[in-house]
């Protein structure tokens, strides 16, 4: 799709699909905090087009 060519190739955009955010939602609800800093750390794969990620939320 053109959005993938533009976003990934030209802009270096990371596309995140099918995230399971249920634990994050529970933590936000328990702490009554809905704003956080999220870091997404993909693996560095030479000439790779995808990678598993390690998302981390800081409150």
Protein backbone atom coordinates (compact mmCIF):
# COMPACT_ATOMS: atom_id res chain seq x y z
CA UNK A 1 0.00 0.00 0.00
CA UNK A 2 1.26 3.54 -0.70
CA UNK A 3 0.99 4.53 2.98
CA UNK A 4 3.48 1.80 3.86
CA UNK A 5 5.96 2.98 1.23
CA UNK A 6 5.67 6.58 2.31
CA UNK A 7 5.48 6.02 6.06
CA UNK A 8 8.02 3.25 6.52
CA UNK A 9 10.52 3.94 3.75
CA UNK A 10 10.45 7.72 3.40
CA UNK A 11 9.68 8.75 6.99
CA UNK A 12 11.05 5.84 9.05
CA UNK A 13 7.66 5.49 10.74
CA UNK A 14 7.08 2.46 12.95
CA UNK A 15 3.68 0.84 12.34
CA UNK A 16 2.31 -1.02 15.36
CA UNK A 17 -0.50 -3.50 14.66
CA UNK A 18 -2.46 -5.73 17.01
CA UNK A 19 -1.10 -4.38 20.29
CA UNK A 20 -2.40 -5.98 23.48
CA UNK A 21 -2.92 -3.04 25.78
CA UNK A 22 -5.14 -4.71 28.39
CA UNK A 23 -2.44 -4.72 31.11
CA UNK A 24 -1.63 -1.08 30.38
CA UNK A 25 -5.32 -0.18 30.66
CA UNK A 26 -5.59 -2.00 34.00
CA UNK A 27 -2.50 -0.21 35.34
CA UNK A 28 -3.82 3.18 34.20
CA UNK A 29 -7.19 2.49 35.82
CA UNK A 30 -5.65 1.24 39.08
CA UNK A 31 -3.42 4.34 39.36
CA UNK A 32 -5.99 6.81 37.94
CA UNK A 33 -3.32 7.99 35.51
CA UNK A 34 -4.00 8.18 31.78
CA UNK A 35 -0.86 9.92 30.53
CA UNK A 36 2.46 8.16 30.15
CA UNK A 37 5.63 8.13 28.07
CA UNK A 38 5.90 5.09 25.83
CA UNK A 39 9.15 3.78 24.38
CA UNK A 40 9.09 1.19 21.60
CA UNK A 41 12.44 -0.53 21.17
CA UNK A 42 12.65 -2.64 17.98
CA UNK A 43 15.52 -5.02 17.32
CA UNK A 44 18.17 -3.78 14.91
CA UNK A 45 17.94 -6.19 12.00
CA UNK A 46 20.24 -5.37 9.09
CA UNK A 47 18.14 -4.92 5.94
CA UNK A 48 15.09 -6.08 7.88
CA UNK A 49 11.57 -4.79 7.31
CA UNK A 50 10.07 -5.86 10.62
CA UNK A 51 11.02 -6.75 14.14
CA UNK A 52 9.55 -7.81 17.45
CA UNK A 53 9.33 -4.85 19.81
CA UNK A 54 9.67 -4.29 23.53
CA UNK A 55 7.16 -1.53 24.44
CA UNK A 56 7.77 0.18 27.80
CA UNK A 57 5.39 2.68 29.45
CA UNK A 58 6.77 5.14 32.03
CA UNK A 59 4.37 6.81 34.45
